[in-house]
Amino acid sequence: MNYDPADKVSTIVYTLNGITYLPHYRHVNAYVKPGYGRAHFEEMSAAELIFAGAITSTEYLFSRVGGNNG
């Protein structure tokens, strides 16, 4: 079998207290930390993360559902 690699796009992520928050793949302007959907369901907005002192950076992640990566 031959599989094409999935496209990755430059995406803004936030790091707060050593934990990287990634964009939720369905909810616009919602960011989640590792364990979301299993251990917890906490979501934070970009504004909440910045207010809490998060550092902004960029990672290459799989594109969001529907191609919206904002």
Protein backbone atom coordinates (compact mmCIF):
# COMPACT_ATOMS: atom_id res chain seq x y z
CA MET A 1 0.00 0.00 0.00
CA ASN A 2 1.09 3.52 -0.72
CA TYR A 3 -0.10 6.29 1.61
CA ASP A 4 0.38 9.98 0.95
CA PRO A 5 1.56 11.92 3.98
CA ALA A 6 -1.00 14.28 5.51
CA ASP A 7 -0.43 17.98 4.99
CA LYS A 8 0.88 19.98 7.93
CA VAL A 9 0.43 23.72 8.31
CA SER A 10 2.15 26.37 10.41
CA THR A 11 -0.02 26.79 13.51
CA ILE A 12 0.13 29.10 16.53
CA VAL A 13 0.45 27.22 19.82
CA TYR A 14 0.81 28.48 23.39
CA THR A 15 3.06 27.24 26.19
CA LEU A 16 2.00 27.88 29.77
CA ASN A 17 3.97 26.51 32.73
CA GLY A 18 5.83 24.10 30.43
CA ILE A 19 2.62 22.69 28.89
CA THR A 20 1.92 23.25 25.20
CA TYR A 21 -1.68 24.07 24.33
CA LEU A 22 -2.76 23.11 20.81
CA PRO A 23 -5.77 24.38 18.88
CA HIS A 24 -8.88 22.25 19.23
CA TYR A 25 -9.52 20.68 15.84
CA ARG A 26 -13.23 21.55 15.78
CA HIS A 27 -13.75 24.58 18.05
CA VAL A 28 -12.38 27.84 16.68
CA ASN A 29 -10.23 29.82 19.16
CA ALA A 30 -10.18 26.99 21.68
CA TYR A 31 -6.89 25.51 22.85
CA VAL A 32 -6.39 22.27 24.76
CA LYS A 33 -3.56 20.64 26.69
CA PRO A 34 -2.47 16.99 26.57
CA GLY A 35 -5.05 14.53 27.87
CA TYR A 36 -8.03 16.48 26.53
CA GLY A 37 -11.03 14.22 26.02
CA ARG A 38 -9.69 11.50 28.32
CA ALA A 39 -8.47 13.05 31.55
CA HIS A 40 -10.20 16.46 31.27
CA PHE A 41 -12.29 18.63 28.96
CA GLU A 42 -10.84 22.05 29.79
CA GLU A 43 -10.56 24.48 26.87
CA MET A 44 -8.94 27.92 26.96
CA SER A 45 -9.10 30.79 24.49
CA ALA A 46 -6.00 32.46 23.10
CA ALA A 47 -6.81 35.56 25.18
CA GLU A 48 -7.07 33.50 28.39
CA LEU A 49 -3.73 31.85 27.70
CA ILE A 50 -1.99 35.16 26.96
CA PHE A 51 -3.51 36.75 30.07
CA ALA A 52 -2.21 33.80 32.13
CA GLY A 53 1.31 34.42 30.78
CA ALA A 54 1.55 31.85 27.98
CA ILE A 55 4.30 32.16 25.38
CA THR A 56 3.29 32.08 21.72
CA SER A 57 5.17 29.91 19.23
CA THR A 58 4.59 28.10 15.96
CA GLU A 59 4.43 24.36 15.25
CA TYR A 60 3.64 22.40 12.11
CA LEU A 61 0.45 20.45 12.80
CA PHE A 62 -2.12 18.57 10.75
CA SER A 63 -4.69 20.96 9.30
CA ARG A 64 -7.99 21.42 11.12
CA VAL A 65 -11.29 19.87 10.03
CA GLY A 66 -12.62 21.77 7.05
CA GLY A 67 -9.21 23.32 6.41
CA ASN A 68 -9.84 26.16 8.88
CA ASN A 69 -6.67 26.72 10.81
CA GLY A 70 -7.46 29.94 12.57
